[in-house]
Amino acid sequence: MTASRRAEHRVEESVFSLFQEIPALCGFTVALRTDGLELADIGLFPAPADDEARLIHAEIRDALSALLEEQPEAHRLLSGRTFARALH
């Protein structure tokens, strides 16, 4: 498996895991900043209390940071993307 495919696979696993672990998570957008990536938007339903929303934000941020540390190639796969829960 190439490094690019490995990174794609890890991004997919990490995002899937976030949606599994956070039932209220509807989606999130990752923005590129000059100093790295940041969460530009997080959709949660039902809307949690402020403290819980901050914890969810931190959980997503930490998961993406761990992913980038493990797979630096994932940076280009996350930057500027919106990830949404698929409902069928």
PDB file of N, CA and C in Angstrom:
ATOM      1  N   MET A   1       0.856  -1.175   0.000  1.00  0.00           N
ATOM      2  CA  MET A   1       0.000   0.000   0.000  1.00  0.00           C
ATOM      3  C   MET A   1       0.904   1.241   0.000  1.00  0.00           C
ATOM      4  N   THR A   2       0.603   2.180  -0.871  1.00  0.00           N
ATOM      5  CA  THR A   2       1.411   3.394  -0.958  1.00  0.00           C
ATOM      6  C   THR A   2       1.124   4.313   0.231  1.00  0.00           C
ATOM      7  N   ALA A   3       2.022   5.250   0.464  1.00  0.00           N
ATOM      8  CA  ALA A   3       1.835   6.202   1.564  1.00  0.00           C
ATOM      9  C   ALA A   3       0.549   6.997   1.376  1.00  0.00           C
ATOM     10  N   SER A   4       0.248   7.344   0.151  1.00  0.00           N
ATOM     11  CA  SER A   4      -0.970   8.104  -0.135  1.00  0.00           C
ATOM     12  C   SER A   4      -2.219   7.283   0.200  1.00  0.00           C
ATOM     13  N   ARG A   5      -2.232   6.022  -0.197  1.00  0.00           N
ATOM     14  CA  ARG A   5      -3.385   5.167   0.094  1.00  0.00           C
ATOM     15  C   ARG A   5      -3.512   4.918   1.596  1.00  0.00           C
ATOM     16  N   ARG A   6      -2.368   4.764   2.265  1.00  0.00           N
ATOM     17  CA  ARG A   6      -2.376   4.571   3.716  1.00  0.00           C
ATOM     18  C   ARG A   6      -2.984   5.780   4.407  1.00  0.00           C
ATOM     19  N   ALA A   7      -2.588   6.973   3.946  1.00  0.00           N
ATOM     20  CA  ALA A   7      -3.125   8.209   4.523  1.00  0.00           C
ATOM     21  C   ALA A   7      -4.624   8.304   4.272  1.00  0.00           C
ATOM     22  N   GLU A   8      -5.066   7.993   3.080  1.00  0.00           N
ATOM     23  CA  GLU A   8      -6.506   8.015   2.772  1.00  0.00           C
ATOM     24  C   GLU A   8      -7.265   7.058   3.684  1.00  0.00           C
ATOM     25  N   HIS A   9      -6.713   5.869   3.856  1.00  0.00           N
ATOM     26  CA  HIS A   9      -7.346   4.866   4.709  1.00  0.00           C
ATOM     27  C   HIS A   9      -7.430   5.349   6.159  1.00  0.00           C
ATOM     28  N   ARG A  10      -6.361   5.946   6.674  1.00  0.00           N
ATOM     29  CA  ARG A  10      -6.350   6.438   8.052  1.00  0.00           C
ATOM     30  C   ARG A  10      -7.318   7.605   8.244  1.00  0.00           C
ATOM     31  N   VAL A  11      -7.413   8.497   7.260  1.00  0.00           N
ATOM     32  CA  VAL A  11      -8.379   9.599   7.343  1.00  0.00           C
ATOM     33  C   VAL A  11      -9.784   9.021   7.423  1.00  0.00           C
ATOM     34  N   GLU A  12     -10.081   8.071   6.552  1.00  0.00           N
ATOM     35  CA  GLU A  12     -11.403   7.446   6.543  1.00  0.00           C
ATOM     36  C   GLU A  12     -11.704   6.781   7.888  1.00  0.00           C
ATOM     37  N   GLU A  13     -10.751   6.041   8.422  1.00  0.00           N
ATOM     38  CA  GLU A  13     -10.934   5.387   9.726  1.00  0.00           C
ATOM     39  C   GLU A  13     -11.161   6.407  10.834  1.00  0.00           C
ATOM     40  N   SER A  14     -10.363   7.455  10.856  1.00  0.00           N
ATOM     41  CA  SER A  14     -10.458   8.460  11.920  1.00  0.00           C
ATOM     42  C   SER A  14     -11.787   9.192  11.881  1.00  0.00           C
ATOM     43  N   VAL A  15     -12.212   9.591  10.693  1.00  0.00           N
ATOM     44  CA  VAL A  15     -13.486  10.312  10.560  1.00  0.00           C
ATOM     45  C   VAL A  15     -14.650   9.396  10.927  1.00  0.00           C
ATOM     46  N   PHE A  16     -14.624   8.152  10.450  1.00  0.00           N
ATOM     47  CA  PHE A  16     -15.677   7.190  10.785  1.00  0.00           C
ATOM     48  C   PHE A  16     -15.759   7.002  12.295  1.00  0.00           C
ATOM     49  N   SER A  17     -14.600   6.881  12.930  1.00  0.00           N
ATOM     50  CA  SER A  17     -14.542   6.693  14.374  1.00  0.00           C
ATOM     51  C   SER A  17     -15.154   7.888  15.120  1.00  0.00           C
ATOM     52  N   LEU A  18     -14.866   9.098  14.655  1.00  0.00           N
ATOM     53  CA  LEU A  18     -15.446  10.286  15.288  1.00  0.00           C
ATOM     54  C   LEU A  18     -16.972  10.264  15.225  1.00  0.00           C
ATOM     55  N   PHE A  19     -17.510   9.916  14.062  1.00  0.00           N
ATOM     56  CA  PHE A  19     -18.963   9.871  13.933  1.00  0.00           C
ATOM     57  C   PHE A  19     -19.568   8.756  14.788  1.00  0.00           C
ATOM     58  N   GLN A  20     -18.845   7.650  14.965  1.00  0.00           N
ATOM     59  CA  GLN A  20     -19.321   6.558  15.809  1.00  0.00           C
ATOM     60  C   GLN A  20     -19.310   6.962  17.281  1.00  0.00           C
ATOM     61  N   GLU A  21     -18.249   7.648  17.703  1.00  0.00           N
ATOM     62  CA  GLU A  21     -18.067   7.995  19.107  1.00  0.00           C
ATOM     63  C   GLU A  21     -18.877   9.203  19.552  1.00  0.00           C
ATOM     64  N   ILE A  22     -19.283  10.050  18.603  1.00  0.00           N
ATOM     65  CA  ILE A  22     -20.010  11.284  18.942  1.00  0.00           C
ATOM     66  C   ILE A  22     -21.339  11.287  18.181  1.00  0.00           C
ATOM     67  N   PRO A  23     -22.368  10.678  18.747  1.00  0.00           N
ATOM     68  CA  PRO A  23     -23.650  10.562  18.040  1.00  0.00           C
ATOM     69  C   PRO A  23     -24.257  11.902  17.611  1.00  0.00           C
ATOM     70  N   ALA A  24     -23.995  12.970  18.354  1.00  0.00           N
ATOM     71  CA  ALA A  24     -24.568  14.280  18.013  1.00  0.00           C
ATOM     72  C   ALA A  24     -23.839  14.953  16.852  1.00  0.00           C
ATOM     73  N   LEU A  25     -22.681  14.424  16.457  1.00  0.00           N
ATOM     74  CA  LEU A  25     -21.885  15.050  15.397  1.00  0.00           C
ATOM     75  C   LEU A  25     -22.550  14.850  14.040  1.00  0.00           C
ATOM     76  N   CYS A  26     -22.935  15.957  13.409  1.00  0.00           N
ATOM     77  CA  CYS A  26     -23.522  15.915  12.064  1.00  0.00           C
ATOM     78  C   CYS A  26     -22.455  16.129  11.000  1.00  0.00           C
ATOM     79  N   GLY A  27     -21.451  16.939  11.310  1.00  0.00           N
ATOM     80  CA  GLY A  27     -20.382  17.189  10.358  1.00  0.00           C
ATOM     81  C   GLY A  27     -19.416  18.223  10.886  1.00  0.00           C
ATOM     82  N   PHE A  28     -18.293  18.350  10.165  1.00  0.00           N
ATOM     83  CA  PHE A  28     -17.301  19.364  10.536  1.00  0.00           C
ATOM     84  C   PHE A  28     -16.483  19.726   9.308  1.00  0.00           C
ATOM     85  N   THR A  29     -15.943  20.940   9.340  1.00  0.00           N
ATOM     86  CA  THR A  29     -15.109  21.450   8.256  1.00  0.00           C
ATOM     87  C   THR A  29     -13.724  21.739   8.800  1.00  0.00           C
ATOM     88  N   VAL A  30     -12.728  21.331   8.023  1.00  0.00           N
ATOM     89  CA  VAL A  30     -11.330  21.565   8.385  1.00  0.00           C
ATOM     90  C   VAL A  30     -10.795  22.648   7.456  1.00  0.00           C
ATOM     91  N   ALA A  31     -10.293  23.723   8.031  1.00  0.00           N
ATOM     92  CA  ALA A  31      -9.775  24.851   7.248  1.00  0.00           C
ATOM     93  C   ALA A  31      -8.256  24.894   7.335  1.00  0.00           C
ATOM     94  N   LEU A  32      -7.650  25.365   6.277  1.00  0.00           N
ATOM     95  CA  LEU A  32      -6.202  25.556   6.251  1.00  0.00           C
ATOM     96  C   LEU A  32      -5.885  26.963   6.723  1.00  0.00           C
ATOM     97  N   ARG A  33      -4.970  27.050   7.685  1.00  0.00           N
ATOM     98  CA  ARG A  33      -4.484  28.342   8.171  1.00  0.00           C
ATOM     99  C   ARG A  33      -2.994  28.377   7.925  1.00  0.00           C
ATOM    100  N   THR A  34      -2.417  29.546   8.017  1.00  0.00           N
ATOM    101  CA  THR A  34      -0.974  29.648   7.795  1.00  0.00           C
ATOM    102  C   THR A  34      -0.183  28.837   8.813  1.00  0.00           C
ATOM    103  N   ASP A  35      -0.730  28.657  10.015  1.00  0.00           N
ATOM    104  CA  ASP A  35      -0.038  27.893  11.053  1.00  0.00           C
ATOM    105  C   ASP A  35      -0.552  26.460  11.178  1.00  0.00           C
ATOM    106  N   GLY A  36      -1.307  25.986  10.208  1.00  0.00           N
ATOM    107  CA  GLY A  36      -1.789  24.605  10.234  1.00  0.00           C
ATOM    108  C   GLY A  36      -3.270  24.510   9.948  1.00  0.00           C
ATOM    109  N   LEU A  37      -3.869  23.443  10.421  1.00  0.00           N
ATOM    110  CA  LEU A  37      -5.292  23.202  10.211  1.00  0.00           C
ATOM    111  C   LEU A  37      -6.081  23.608  11.448  1.00  0.00           C
ATOM    112  N   GLU A  38      -7.337  23.974  11.219  1.00  0.00           N
ATOM    113  CA  GLU A  38      -8.234  24.261  12.340  1.00  0.00           C
ATOM    114  C   GLU A  38      -9.633  23.804  11.982  1.00  0.00           C
ATOM    115  N   LEU A  39     -10.439  23.565  12.995  1.00  0.00           N
ATOM    116  CA  LEU A  39     -11.837  23.237  12.777  1.00  0.00           C
ATOM    117  C   LEU A  39     -12.580  24.531  12.525  1.00  0.00           C
ATOM    118  N   ALA A  40     -13.111  24.684  11.320  1.00  0.00           N
ATOM    119  CA  ALA A  40     -13.790  25.920  10.953  1.00  0.00           C
ATOM    120  C   ALA A  40     -15.253  25.894  11.358  1.00  0.00           C
ATOM    121  N   ASP A  41     -15.830  24.702  11.402  1.00  0.00           N
ATOM    122  CA  ASP A  41     -17.251  24.599  11.717  1.00  0.00           C
ATOM    123  C   ASP A  41     -17.523  23.185  12.213  1.00  0.00           C
ATOM    124  N   ILE A  42     -18.399  23.077  13.191  1.00  0.00           N
ATOM    125  CA  ILE A  42     -18.820  21.776  13.697  1.00  0.00           C
ATOM    126  C   ILE A  42     -20.334  21.815  13.819  1.00  0.00           C
ATOM    127  N   GLY A  43     -21.004  20.852  13.206  1.00  0.00           N
ATOM    128  CA  GLY A  43     -22.456  20.748  13.306  1.00  0.00           C
ATOM    129  C   GLY A  43     -22.829  19.672  14.310  1.00  0.00           C
ATOM    130  N   LEU A  44     -23.618  20.045  15.317  1.00  0.00           N
ATOM    131  CA  LEU A  44     -24.050  19.114  16.347  1.00  0.00           C
ATOM    132  C   LEU A  44     -25.566  19.188  16.493  1.00  0.00           C
ATOM    133  N   PHE A  45     -26.209  18.016  16.584  1.00  0.00           N
ATOM    134  CA  PHE A  45     -27.644  17.981  16.822  1.00  0.00           C
ATOM    135  C   PHE A  45     -27.967  16.756  17.651  1.00  0.00           C
ATOM    136  N   PRO A  46     -28.692  16.939  18.713  1.00  0.00           N
ATOM    137  CA  PRO A  46     -29.150  18.207  19.256  1.00  0.00           C
ATOM    138  C   PRO A  46     -27.979  19.016  19.809  1.00  0.00           C
ATOM    139  N   ALA A  47     -28.175  20.312  19.841  1.00  0.00           N
ATOM    140  CA  ALA A  47     -27.116  21.210  20.305  1.00  0.00           C
ATOM    141  C   ALA A  47     -26.813  20.930  21.778  1.00  0.00           C
ATOM    142  N   PRO A  48     -25.564  20.637  22.083  1.00  0.00           N
ATOM    143  CA  PRO A  48     -25.204  20.365  23.481  1.00  0.00           C
ATOM    144  C   PRO A  48     -24.982  21.660  24.261  1.00  0.00           C
ATOM    145  N   ALA A  49     -24.853  21.526  25.556  1.00  0.00           N
ATOM    146  CA  ALA A  49     -24.484  22.665  26.401  1.00  0.00           C
ATOM    147  C   ALA A  49     -23.082  23.113  26.002  1.00  0.00           C
ATOM    148  N   ASP A  50     -22.733  24.348  26.335  1.00  0.00           N
ATOM    149  CA  ASP A  50     -21.437  24.921  25.940  1.00  0.00           C
ATOM    150  C   ASP A  50     -20.254  24.067  26.391  1.00  0.00           C
ATOM    151  N   ASP A  51     -20.294  23.580  27.629  1.00  0.00           N
ATOM    152  CA  ASP A  51     -19.187  22.768  28.141  1.00  0.00           C
ATOM    153  C   ASP A  51     -19.012  21.495  27.317  1.00  0.00           C
ATOM    154  N   GLU A  52     -20.110  20.850  26.998  1.00  0.00           N
ATOM    155  CA  GLU A  52     -20.046  19.618  26.201  1.00  0.00           C
ATOM    156  C   GLU A  52     -19.568  19.919  24.784  1.00  0.00           C
ATOM    157  N   ALA A  53     -20.013  21.040  24.218  1.00  0.00           N
ATOM    158  CA  ALA A  53     -19.577  21.427  22.870  1.00  0.00           C
ATOM    159  C   ALA A  53     -18.066  21.647  22.838  1.00  0.00           C
ATOM    160  N   ARG A  54     -17.531  22.261  23.884  1.00  0.00           N
ATOM    161  CA  ARG A  54     -16.074  22.465  23.960  1.00  0.00           C
ATOM    162  C   ARG A  54     -15.332  21.132  24.048  1.00  0.00           C
ATOM    163  N   LEU A  55     -15.884  20.199  24.800  1.00  0.00           N
ATOM    164  CA  LEU A  55     -15.271  18.873  24.907  1.00  0.00           C
ATOM    165  C   LEU A  55     -15.287  18.140  23.564  1.00  0.00           C
ATOM    166  N   ILE A  56     -16.378  18.256  22.851  1.00  0.00           N
ATOM    167  CA  ILE A  56     -16.484  17.627  21.522  1.00  0.00           C
ATOM    168  C   ILE A  56     -15.487  18.261  20.568  1.00  0.00           C
ATOM    169  N   HIS A  57     -15.389  19.574  20.590  1.00  0.00           N
ATOM    170  CA  HIS A  57     -14.421  20.278  19.746  1.00  0.00           C
ATOM    171  C   HIS A  57     -13.011  19.771  20.045  1.00  0.00           C
ATOM    172  N   ALA A  58     -12.685  19.653  21.320  1.00  0.00           N
ATOM    173  CA  ALA A  58     -11.354  19.177  21.720  1.00  0.00           C
ATOM    174  C   ALA A  58     -11.127  17.732  21.280  1.00  0.00           C
ATOM    175  N   GLU A  59     -12.148  16.911  21.374  1.00  0.00           N
ATOM    176  CA  GLU A  59     -12.019  15.506  20.966  1.00  0.00           C
ATOM    177  C   GLU A  59     -11.727  15.395  19.469  1.00  0.00           C
ATOM    178  N   ILE A  60     -12.441  16.175  18.661  1.00  0.00           N
ATOM    179  CA  ILE A  60     -12.208  16.168  17.216  1.00  0.00           C
ATOM    180  C   ILE A  60     -10.815  16.712  16.905  1.00  0.00           C
ATOM    181  N   ARG A  61     -10.462  17.834  17.525  1.00  0.00           N
ATOM    182  CA  ARG A  61      -9.138  18.425  17.314  1.00  0.00           C
ATOM    183  C   ARG A  61      -8.028  17.457  17.682  1.00  0.00           C
ATOM    184  N   ASP A  62      -8.177  16.789  18.814  1.00  0.00           N
ATOM    185  CA  ASP A  62      -7.152  15.852  19.266  1.00  0.00           C
ATOM    186  C   ASP A  62      -7.035  14.651  18.321  1.00  0.00           C
ATOM    187  N   ALA A  63      -8.162  14.163  17.849  1.00  0.00           N
ATOM    188  CA  ALA A  63      -8.147  13.032  16.917  1.00  0.00           C
ATOM    189  C   ALA A  63      -7.451  13.408  15.611  1.00  0.00           C
ATOM    190  N   LEU A  64      -7.743  14.604  15.101  1.00  0.00           N
ATOM    191  CA  LEU A  64      -7.106  15.036  13.854  1.00  0.00           C
ATOM    192  C   LEU A  64      -5.619  15.315  14.059  1.00  0.00           C
ATOM    193  N   SER A  65      -5.257  15.865  15.208  1.00  0.00           N
ATOM    194  CA  SER A  65      -3.842  16.104  15.514  1.00  0.00           C
ATOM    195  C   SER A  65      -3.081  14.787  15.586  1.00  0.00           C
ATOM    196  N   ALA A  66      -3.667  13.790  16.232  1.00  0.00           N
ATOM    197  CA  ALA A  66      -3.024  12.476  16.333  1.00  0.00           C
ATOM    198  C   ALA A  66      -2.872  11.854  14.946  1.00  0.00           C
ATOM    199  N   LEU A  67      -3.894  12.013  14.119  1.00  0.00           N
ATOM    200  CA  LEU A  67      -3.832  11.500  12.751  1.00  0.00           C
ATOM    201  C   LEU A  67      -2.696  12.158  11.978  1.00  0.00           C
ATOM    202  N   LEU A  68      -2.580  13.472  12.085  1.00  0.00           N
ATOM    203  CA  LEU A  68      -1.530  14.193  11.361  1.00  0.00           C
ATOM    204  C   LEU A  68      -0.139  13.842  11.872  1.00  0.00           C
ATOM    205  N   GLU A  69      -0.042  13.567  13.152  1.00  0.00           N
ATOM    206  CA  GLU A  69       1.249  13.169  13.702  1.00  0.00           C
ATOM    207  C   GLU A  69       1.655  11.800  13.159  1.00  0.00           C
ATOM    208  N   GLU A  70       0.678  10.907  13.063  1.00  0.00           N
ATOM    209  CA  GLU A  70       0.923   9.550  12.566  1.00  0.00           C
ATOM    210  C   GLU A  70       1.098   9.519  11.046  1.00  0.00           C
ATOM    211  N   GLN A  71       0.291  10.314  10.348  1.00  0.00           N
ATOM    212  CA  GLN A  71       0.270  10.320   8.879  1.00  0.00           C
ATOM    213  C   GLN A  71       0.330  11.760   8.364  1.00  0.00           C
ATOM    214  N   PRO A  72       1.507  12.365   8.285  1.00  0.00           N
ATOM    215  CA  PRO A  72       1.610  13.750   7.811  1.00  0.00           C
ATOM    216  C   PRO A  72       1.001  13.956   6.420  1.00  0.00           C
ATOM    217  N   GLU A  73       0.949  12.882   5.617  1.00  0.00           N
ATOM    218  CA  GLU A  73       0.358  12.980   4.276  1.00  0.00           C
ATOM    219  C   GLU A  73      -1.138  13.302   4.329  1.00  0.00           C
ATOM    220  N   ALA A  74      -1.744  13.070   5.484  1.00  0.00           N
ATOM    221  CA  ALA A  74      -3.182  13.318   5.639  1.00  0.00           C
ATOM    222  C   ALA A  74      -3.511  14.809   5.589  1.00  0.00           C
ATOM    223  N   HIS A  75      -2.528  15.662   5.765  1.00  0.00           N
ATOM    224  CA  HIS A  75      -2.749  17.113   5.760  1.00  0.00           C
ATOM    225  C   HIS A  75      -3.492  17.547   4.500  1.00  0.00           C
ATOM    226  N   ARG A  76      -3.028  17.110   3.356  1.00  0.00           N
ATOM    227  CA  ARG A  76      -3.664  17.513   2.086  1.00  0.00           C
ATOM    228  C   ARG A  76      -5.063  16.909   1.935  1.00  0.00           C
ATOM    229  N   LEU A  77      -5.319  15.783   2.610  1.00  0.00           N
ATOM    230  CA  LEU A  77      -6.626  15.140   2.525  1.00  0.00           C
ATOM    231  C   LEU A  77      -7.658  15.793   3.437  1.00  0.00           C
ATOM    232  N   LEU A  78      -7.207  16.470   4.474  1.00  0.00           N
ATOM    233  CA  LEU A  78      -8.107  17.127   5.424  1.00  0.00           C
ATOM    234  C   LEU A  78      -8.375  18.586   5.066  1.00  0.00           C
ATOM    235  N   SER A  79      -7.365  19.238   4.554  1.00  0.00           N
ATOM    236  CA  SER A  79      -7.413  20.679   4.315  1.00  0.00           C
ATOM    237  C   SER A  79      -8.552  21.094   3.398  1.00  0.00           C
ATOM    238  N   GLY A  80      -9.408  21.989   3.919  1.00  0.00           N
ATOM    239  CA  GLY A  80     -10.489  22.549   3.116  1.00  0.00           C
ATOM    240  C   GLY A  80     -11.678  21.619   2.904  1.00  0.00           C
ATOM    241  N   ARG A  81     -11.741  20.531   3.623  1.00  0.00           N
ATOM    242  CA  ARG A  81     -12.818  19.560   3.421  1.00  0.00           C
ATOM    243  C   ARG A  81     -13.874  19.646   4.499  1.00  0.00           C
ATOM    244  N   THR A  82     -15.079  19.275   4.106  1.00  0.00           N
ATOM    245  CA  THR A  82     -16.185  19.129   5.027  1.00  0.00           C
ATOM    246  C   THR A  82     -16.519  17.643   5.101  1.00  0.00           C
ATOM    247  N   PHE A  83     -16.643  17.138   6.303  1.00  0.00           N
ATOM    248  CA  PHE A  83     -17.000  15.741   6.516  1.00  0.00           C
ATOM    249  C   PHE A  83     -18.384  15.718   7.142  1.00  0.00           C
ATOM    250  N   ALA A  84     -19.277  14.915   6.580  1.00  0.00           N
ATOM    251  CA  ALA A  84     -20.654  14.863   7.066  1.00  0.00           C
ATOM    252  C   ALA A  84     -21.056  13.416   7.324  1.00  0.00           C
ATOM    253  N   ARG A  85     -21.922  13.257   8.314  1.00  0.00           N
ATOM    254  CA  ARG A  85     -22.474  11.936   8.613  1.00  0.00           C
ATOM    255  C   ARG A  85     -23.418  11.569   7.467  1.00  0.00           C
ATOM    256  N   ALA A  86     -23.293  10.360   6.986  1.00  0.00           N
ATOM    257  CA  ALA A  86     -24.181   9.884   5.923  1.00  0.00           C
ATOM    258  C   ALA A  86     -25.334   9.124   6.558  1.00  0.00           C
ATOM    259  N   LEU A  87     -26.529   9.546   6.286  1.00  0.00           N
ATOM    260  CA  LEU A  87     -27.717   8.862   6.803  1.00  0.00           C
ATOM    261  C   LEU A  87     -28.416   8.165   5.638  1.00  0.00           C
ATOM    262  N   HIS A  88     -28.727   6.900   5.846  1.00  0.00           N
ATOM    263  CA  HIS A  88     -29.408   6.134   4.786  1.00  0.00           C
ATOM    264  C   HIS A  88     -30.674   5.535   5.307  1.00  0.00           C
TER     265      HIS A  88
END
